PDB file of N, CA and C in Angstrom:
ATOM      1  N   MET A   1     -10.734  10.358   1.156  1.00  0.00           N
ATOM      2  CA  MET A   1     -11.837   9.449   0.916  1.00  0.00           C
ATOM      3  C   MET A   1     -11.270   8.031   0.741  1.00  0.00           C
ATOM      4  N   ALA A   2     -11.829   7.084   1.383  1.00  0.00           N
ATOM      5  CA  ALA A   2     -11.362   5.683   1.287  1.00  0.00           C
ATOM      6  C   ALA A   2     -11.881   5.063  -0.026  1.00  0.00           C
ATOM      7  N   VAL A   3     -11.044   4.273  -0.620  1.00  0.00           N
ATOM      8  CA  VAL A   3     -11.437   3.539  -1.842  1.00  0.00           C
ATOM      9  C   VAL A   3     -12.447   2.480  -1.450  1.00  0.00           C
ATOM     10  N   GLN A   4     -13.477   2.344  -2.250  1.00  0.00           N
ATOM     11  CA  GLN A   4     -14.494   1.303  -2.036  1.00  0.00           C
ATOM     12  C   GLN A   4     -14.533   0.419  -3.289  1.00  0.00           C
ATOM     13  N   LEU A   5     -13.997  -0.778  -3.162  1.00  0.00           N
ATOM     14  CA  LEU A   5     -14.011  -1.730  -4.255  1.00  0.00           C
ATOM     15  C   LEU A   5     -14.637  -3.026  -3.786  1.00  0.00           C
ATOM     16  N   ASP A   6     -15.321  -3.718  -4.682  1.00  0.00           N
ATOM     17  CA  ASP A   6     -15.975  -4.955  -4.385  1.00  0.00           C
ATOM     18  C   ASP A   6     -14.988  -6.001  -3.897  1.00  0.00           C
ATOM     19  N   ASP A   7     -15.367  -6.784  -2.904  1.00  0.00           N
ATOM     20  CA  ASP A   7     -14.520  -7.840  -2.340  1.00  0.00           C
ATOM     21  C   ASP A   7     -14.061  -8.866  -3.413  1.00  0.00           C
ATOM     22  N   GLN A   8     -14.988  -9.189  -4.299  1.00  0.00           N
ATOM     23  CA  GLN A   8     -14.631 -10.184  -5.379  1.00  0.00           C
ATOM     24  C   GLN A   8     -13.592  -9.603  -6.307  1.00  0.00           C
ATOM     25  N   LEU A   9     -13.719  -8.327  -6.606  1.00  0.00           N
ATOM     26  CA  LEU A   9     -12.711  -7.652  -7.462  1.00  0.00           C
ATOM     27  C   LEU A   9     -11.341  -7.697  -6.793  1.00  0.00           C
ATOM     28  N   MET A  10     -11.342  -7.350  -5.478  1.00  0.00           N
ATOM     29  CA  MET A  10     -10.064  -7.354  -4.745  1.00  0.00           C
ATOM     30  C   MET A  10      -9.401  -8.706  -4.687  1.00  0.00           C
ATOM     31  N   ASP A  11     -10.264  -9.784  -4.688  1.00  0.00           N
ATOM     32  CA  ASP A  11      -9.737 -11.175  -4.723  1.00  0.00           C
ATOM     33  C   ASP A  11      -8.953 -11.464  -6.015  1.00  0.00           C
ATOM     34  N   ILE A  12      -9.322 -10.820  -7.121  1.00  0.00           N
ATOM     35  CA  ILE A  12      -8.685 -11.169  -8.388  1.00  0.00           C
ATOM     36  C   ILE A  12      -7.630 -10.126  -8.862  1.00  0.00           C
ATOM     37  N   LEU A  13      -7.654  -8.919  -8.270  1.00  0.00           N
ATOM     38  CA  LEU A  13      -6.636  -7.936  -8.691  1.00  0.00           C
ATOM     39  C   LEU A  13      -5.282  -8.347  -8.139  1.00  0.00           C
ATOM     40  N   ALA A  14      -4.220  -8.104  -8.960  1.00  0.00           N
ATOM     41  CA  ALA A  14      -2.891  -8.397  -8.557  1.00  0.00           C
ATOM     42  C   ALA A  14      -1.948  -7.324  -9.096  1.00  0.00           C
ATOM     43  N   CYS A  15      -0.796  -7.187  -8.440  1.00  0.00           N
ATOM     44  CA  CYS A  15       0.195  -6.258  -8.869  1.00  0.00           C
ATOM     45  C   CYS A  15       0.751  -6.670 -10.231  1.00  0.00           C
ATOM     46  N   PRO A  16       0.753  -5.770 -11.197  1.00  0.00           N
ATOM     47  CA  PRO A  16       1.295  -6.091 -12.518  1.00  0.00           C
ATOM     48  C   PRO A  16       2.822  -6.344 -12.521  1.00  0.00           C
ATOM     49  N   ALA A  17       3.527  -5.847 -11.476  1.00  0.00           N
ATOM     50  CA  ALA A  17       4.936  -6.009 -11.439  1.00  0.00           C
ATOM     51  C   ALA A  17       5.358  -7.397 -10.926  1.00  0.00           C
ATOM     52  N   ASP A  18       4.678  -7.926  -9.889  1.00  0.00           N
ATOM     53  CA  ASP A  18       5.112  -9.249  -9.386  1.00  0.00           C
ATOM     54  C   ASP A  18       3.935 -10.189  -9.053  1.00  0.00           C
ATOM     55  N   HIS A  19       2.725  -9.803  -9.489  1.00  0.00           N
ATOM     56  CA  HIS A  19       1.541 -10.645  -9.382  1.00  0.00           C
ATOM     57  C   HIS A  19       1.077 -10.966  -7.988  1.00  0.00           C
ATOM     58  N   ALA A  20       1.560 -10.233  -7.025  1.00  0.00           N
ATOM     59  CA  ALA A  20       1.101 -10.425  -5.601  1.00  0.00           C
ATOM     60  C   ALA A  20      -0.256  -9.738  -5.395  1.00  0.00           C
ATOM     61  N   PRO A  21      -0.981 -10.140  -4.382  1.00  0.00           N
ATOM     62  CA  PRO A  21      -2.271  -9.497  -4.053  1.00  0.00           C
ATOM     63  C   PRO A  21      -2.078  -8.014  -3.695  1.00  0.00           C
ATOM     64  N   LEU A  22      -3.139  -7.254  -3.878  1.00  0.00           N
ATOM     65  CA  LEU A  22      -3.142  -5.839  -3.519  1.00  0.00           C
ATOM     66  C   LEU A  22      -4.026  -5.625  -2.321  1.00  0.00           C
ATOM     67  N   ARG A  23      -3.757  -4.567  -1.541  1.00  0.00           N
ATOM     68  CA  ARG A  23      -4.581  -4.177  -0.418  1.00  0.00           C
ATOM     69  C   ARG A  23      -4.996  -2.722  -0.622  1.00  0.00           C
ATOM     70  N   LEU A  24      -6.123  -2.370   0.022  1.00  0.00           N
ATOM     71  CA  LEU A  24      -6.602  -0.976  -0.064  1.00  0.00           C
ATOM     72  C   LEU A  24      -5.784  -0.106   0.800  1.00  0.00           C
ATOM     73  N   GLY A  25      -5.523   1.126   0.349  1.00  0.00           N
ATOM     74  CA  GLY A  25      -4.790   2.097   1.089  1.00  0.00           C
ATOM     75  C   GLY A  25      -3.306   1.751   1.290  1.00  0.00           C
ATOM     76  N   THR A  26      -2.696   2.358   2.281  1.00  0.00           N
ATOM     77  CA  THR A  26      -1.295   2.144   2.591  1.00  0.00           C
ATOM     78  C   THR A  26      -1.150   1.813   4.087  1.00  0.00           C
ATOM     79  N   VAL A  27      -0.016   1.383   4.523  1.00  0.00           N
ATOM     80  CA  VAL A  27       0.224   1.177   5.908  1.00  0.00           C
ATOM     81  C   VAL A  27       0.085   2.479   6.699  1.00  0.00           C
ATOM     82  N   ALA A  28       0.663   3.529   6.171  1.00  0.00           N
ATOM     83  CA  ALA A  28       0.625   4.835   6.859  1.00  0.00           C
ATOM     84  C   ALA A  28      -0.764   5.480   6.777  1.00  0.00           C
ATOM     85  N   ASP A  29      -1.519   5.218   5.690  1.00  0.00           N
ATOM     86  CA  ASP A  29      -2.815   5.870   5.485  1.00  0.00           C
ATOM     87  C   ASP A  29      -3.781   4.843   4.866  1.00  0.00           C
ATOM     88  N   PRO A  30      -4.504   4.059   5.733  1.00  0.00           N
ATOM     89  CA  PRO A  30      -5.424   3.110   5.184  1.00  0.00           C
ATOM     90  C   PRO A  30      -6.593   3.684   4.372  1.00  0.00           C
ATOM     91  N   GLU A  31      -6.738   5.055   4.448  1.00  0.00           N
ATOM     92  CA  GLU A  31      -7.840   5.694   3.756  1.00  0.00           C
ATOM     93  C   GLU A  31      -7.340   6.261   2.403  1.00  0.00           C
ATOM     94  N   ALA A  32      -6.085   6.057   2.047  1.00  0.00           N
ATOM     95  CA  ALA A  32      -5.516   6.624   0.795  1.00  0.00           C
ATOM     96  C   ALA A  32      -6.189   5.983  -0.392  1.00  0.00           C
ATOM     97  N   ASP A  33      -6.349   6.758  -1.437  1.00  0.00           N
ATOM     98  CA  ASP A  33      -6.972   6.296  -2.709  1.00  0.00           C
ATOM     99  C   ASP A  33      -5.945   5.552  -3.560  1.00  0.00           C
ATOM    100  N   VAL A  34      -5.368   4.512  -3.035  1.00  0.00           N
ATOM    101  CA  VAL A  34      -4.373   3.664  -3.772  1.00  0.00           C
ATOM    102  C   VAL A  34      -4.599   2.240  -3.403  1.00  0.00           C
ATOM    103  N   LEU A  35      -4.081   1.385  -4.252  1.00  0.00           N
ATOM    104  CA  LEU A  35      -3.964  -0.039  -3.976  1.00  0.00           C
ATOM    105  C   LEU A  35      -2.458  -0.315  -3.811  1.00  0.00           C
ATOM    106  N   THR A  36      -2.098  -0.999  -2.727  1.00  0.00           N
ATOM    107  CA  THR A  36      -0.683  -1.241  -2.462  1.00  0.00           C
ATOM    108  C   THR A  36      -0.400  -2.712  -2.607  1.00  0.00           C
ATOM    109  N   CYS A  37       0.709  -3.015  -3.284  1.00  0.00           N
ATOM    110  CA  CYS A  37       1.139  -4.421  -3.491  1.00  0.00           C
ATOM    111  C   CYS A  37       1.613  -4.954  -2.108  1.00  0.00           C
ATOM    112  N   THR A  38       1.161  -6.142  -1.782  1.00  0.00           N
ATOM    113  CA  THR A  38       1.527  -6.747  -0.519  1.00  0.00           C
ATOM    114  C   THR A  38       2.955  -7.347  -0.560  1.00  0.00           C
ATOM    115  N   SER A  39       3.571  -7.333  -1.716  1.00  0.00           N
ATOM    116  CA  SER A  39       4.940  -7.881  -1.832  1.00  0.00           C
ATOM    117  C   SER A  39       5.962  -6.767  -2.064  1.00  0.00           C
ATOM    118  N   CYS A  40       5.837  -6.097  -3.182  1.00  0.00           N
ATOM    119  CA  CYS A  40       6.874  -5.083  -3.563  1.00  0.00           C
ATOM    120  C   CYS A  40       6.558  -3.696  -3.007  1.00  0.00           C
ATOM    121  N   GLY A  41       5.311  -3.457  -2.568  1.00  0.00           N
ATOM    122  CA  GLY A  41       4.951  -2.144  -1.968  1.00  0.00           C
ATOM    123  C   GLY A  41       4.587  -1.074  -2.971  1.00  0.00           C
ATOM    124  N   LEU A  42       4.695  -1.290  -4.281  1.00  0.00           N
ATOM    125  CA  LEU A  42       4.257  -0.274  -5.218  1.00  0.00           C
ATOM    126  C   LEU A  42       2.827   0.105  -4.963  1.00  0.00           C
ATOM    127  N   ARG A  43       2.514   1.366  -5.167  1.00  0.00           N
ATOM    128  CA  ARG A  43       1.146   1.890  -4.918  1.00  0.00           C
ATOM    129  C   ARG A  43       0.566   2.327  -6.242  1.00  0.00           C
ATOM    130  N   TYR A  44      -0.645   1.817  -6.503  1.00  0.00           N
ATOM    131  CA  TYR A  44      -1.365   2.115  -7.736  1.00  0.00           C
ATOM    132  C   TYR A  44      -2.524   3.024  -7.432  1.00  0.00           C
ATOM    133  N   PRO A  45      -2.609   4.188  -8.089  1.00  0.00           N
ATOM    134  CA  PRO A  45      -3.699   5.152  -7.784  1.00  0.00           C
ATOM    135  C   PRO A  45      -5.029   4.600  -8.224  1.00  0.00           C
ATOM    136  N   VAL A  46      -6.072   5.042  -7.492  1.00  0.00           N
ATOM    137  CA  VAL A  46      -7.482   4.756  -7.902  1.00  0.00           C
ATOM    138  C   VAL A  46      -8.079   6.113  -8.233  1.00  0.00           C
ATOM    139  N   VAL A  47      -8.444   6.256  -9.514  1.00  0.00           N
ATOM    140  CA  VAL A  47      -8.966   7.517 -10.005  1.00  0.00           C
ATOM    141  C   VAL A  47     -10.406   7.357 -10.328  1.00  0.00           C
ATOM    142  N   ASP A  48     -11.265   8.137  -9.698  1.00  0.00           N
ATOM    143  CA  ASP A  48     -12.712   8.067  -9.918  1.00  0.00           C
ATOM    144  C   ASP A  48     -13.244   6.644  -9.777  1.00  0.00           C
ATOM    145  N   GLY A  49     -12.703   5.905  -8.766  1.00  0.00           N
ATOM    146  CA  GLY A  49     -13.138   4.559  -8.482  1.00  0.00           C
ATOM    147  C   GLY A  49     -12.585   3.483  -9.372  1.00  0.00           C
ATOM    148  N   ILE A  50     -11.656   3.859 -10.257  1.00  0.00           N
ATOM    149  CA  ILE A  50     -11.046   2.893 -11.215  1.00  0.00           C
ATOM    150  C   ILE A  50      -9.566   2.693 -10.902  1.00  0.00           C
ATOM    151  N   PRO A  51      -9.150   1.504 -10.552  1.00  0.00           N
ATOM    152  CA  PRO A  51      -7.738   1.247 -10.305  1.00  0.00           C
ATOM    153  C   PRO A  51      -6.900   1.434 -11.563  1.00  0.00           C
ATOM    154  N   VAL A  52      -5.784   2.190 -11.460  1.00  0.00           N
ATOM    155  CA  VAL A  52      -4.903   2.376 -12.603  1.00  0.00           C
ATOM    156  C   VAL A  52      -3.696   1.417 -12.394  1.00  0.00           C
ATOM    157  N   LEU A  53      -3.836   0.255 -12.911  1.00  0.00           N
ATOM    158  CA  LEU A  53      -2.829  -0.819 -12.699  1.00  0.00           C
ATOM    159  C   LEU A  53      -1.809  -0.855 -13.813  1.00  0.00           C
ATOM    160  N   LEU A  54      -1.127   0.262 -14.013  1.00  0.00           N
ATOM    161  CA  LEU A  54      -0.062   0.393 -15.006  1.00  0.00           C
ATOM    162  C   LEU A  54       1.251   0.652 -14.255  1.00  0.00           C
ATOM    163  N   ALA A  55       2.255  -0.146 -14.553  1.00  0.00           N
ATOM    164  CA  ALA A  55       3.547   0.009 -13.890  1.00  0.00           C
ATOM    165  C   ALA A  55       4.099   1.427 -14.029  1.00  0.00           C
ATOM    166  N   ASP A  56       3.854   2.066 -15.189  1.00  0.00           N
ATOM    167  CA  ASP A  56       4.398   3.423 -15.420  1.00  0.00           C
ATOM    168  C   ASP A  56       3.666   4.442 -14.541  1.00  0.00           C
ATOM    169  N   GLU A  57       2.493   4.121 -14.061  1.00  0.00           N
ATOM    170  CA  GLU A  57       1.711   5.041 -13.214  1.00  0.00           C
ATOM    171  C   GLU A  57       1.864   4.799 -11.719  1.00  0.00           C
ATOM    172  N   ALA A  58       2.564   3.712 -11.396  1.00  0.00           N
ATOM    173  CA  ALA A  58       2.685   3.300  -9.996  1.00  0.00           C
ATOM    174  C   ALA A  58       3.591   4.315  -9.205  1.00  0.00           C
ATOM    175  N   LEU A  59       3.230   4.472  -7.937  1.00  0.00           N
ATOM    176  CA  LEU A  59       3.950   5.328  -7.074  1.00  0.00           C
ATOM    177  C   LEU A  59       4.991   4.419  -6.328  1.00  0.00           C
ATOM    178  N   PRO A  60       6.155   4.938  -5.993  1.00  0.00           N
ATOM    179  CA  PRO A  60       7.154   4.052  -5.324  1.00  0.00           C
ATOM    180  C   PRO A  60       6.639   3.537  -3.990  1.00  0.00           C
ATOM    181  N   ALA A  61       7.260   2.463  -3.538  1.00  0.00           N
ATOM    182  CA  ALA A  61       6.893   1.926  -2.231  1.00  0.00           C
ATOM    183  C   ALA A  61       7.183   2.877  -1.112  1.00  0.00           C
ATOM    184  N   GLU A  62       6.413   2.853  -0.069  1.00  0.00           N
ATOM    185  CA  GLU A  62       6.676   3.702   1.077  1.00  0.00           C
ATOM    186  C   GLU A  62       7.923   3.189   1.796  1.00  0.00           C
ATOM    187  N   THR A  63       8.634   4.026   2.451  1.00  0.00           N
ATOM    188  CA  THR A  63       9.723   3.542   3.280  1.00  0.00           C
ATOM    189  C   THR A  63       9.304   3.635   4.756  1.00  0.00           C
ATOM    190  N   ALA A  64       9.735   2.638   5.472  1.00  0.00           N
ATOM    191  CA  ALA A  64       9.381   2.583   6.867  1.00  0.00           C
ATOM    192  C   ALA A  64      10.207   3.620   7.643  1.00  0.00           C
ATOM    193  N   PRO A  65       9.698   4.191   8.762  1.00  0.00           N
ATOM    194  CA  PRO A  65      10.476   5.125   9.521  1.00  0.00           C
ATOM    195  C   PRO A  65      11.777   4.499   9.954  1.00  0.00           C
ATOM    196  N   GLY A  66      12.861   5.254   9.860  1.00  0.00           N
ATOM    197  CA  GLY A  66      14.156   4.709  10.225  1.00  0.00           C
ATOM    198  C   GLY A  66      14.949   4.083   9.085  1.00  0.00           C
ATOM    199  N   ASP A  67      14.326   3.992   7.887  1.00  0.00           N
ATOM    200  CA  ASP A  67      15.014   3.377   6.757  1.00  0.00           C
ATOM    201  C   ASP A  67      16.030   4.316   6.124  1.00  0.00           C
ATOM    202  N   GLY A  68      16.084   5.549   6.572  1.00  0.00           N
ATOM    203  CA  GLY A  68      17.017   6.492   6.014  1.00  0.00           C
ATOM    204  C   GLY A  68      16.571   7.181   4.816  1.00  0.00           C
ATOM    205  N   ALA A  69      15.345   7.044   4.426  1.00  0.00           N
ATOM    206  CA  ALA A  69      14.837   7.710   3.223  1.00  0.00           C
ATOM    207  C   ALA A  69      14.066   8.978   3.589  1.00  0.00           C
TER     208      ALA A  69
END
């Protein structure tokens, strides 16, 4: 299920780690229930429509194919 968040909310949400803007989903899965930092790549889960913007709850950045990970 794709995350549905208000455009105005998305305009003000930022990554708690480096304060960069967030985008819905991931590069590999735009329908993922996460917000992804446009700078560091950390992924923050969205649970029951509520973004969990805690660094301790963040998922690691995705690795691009061929990065050796």
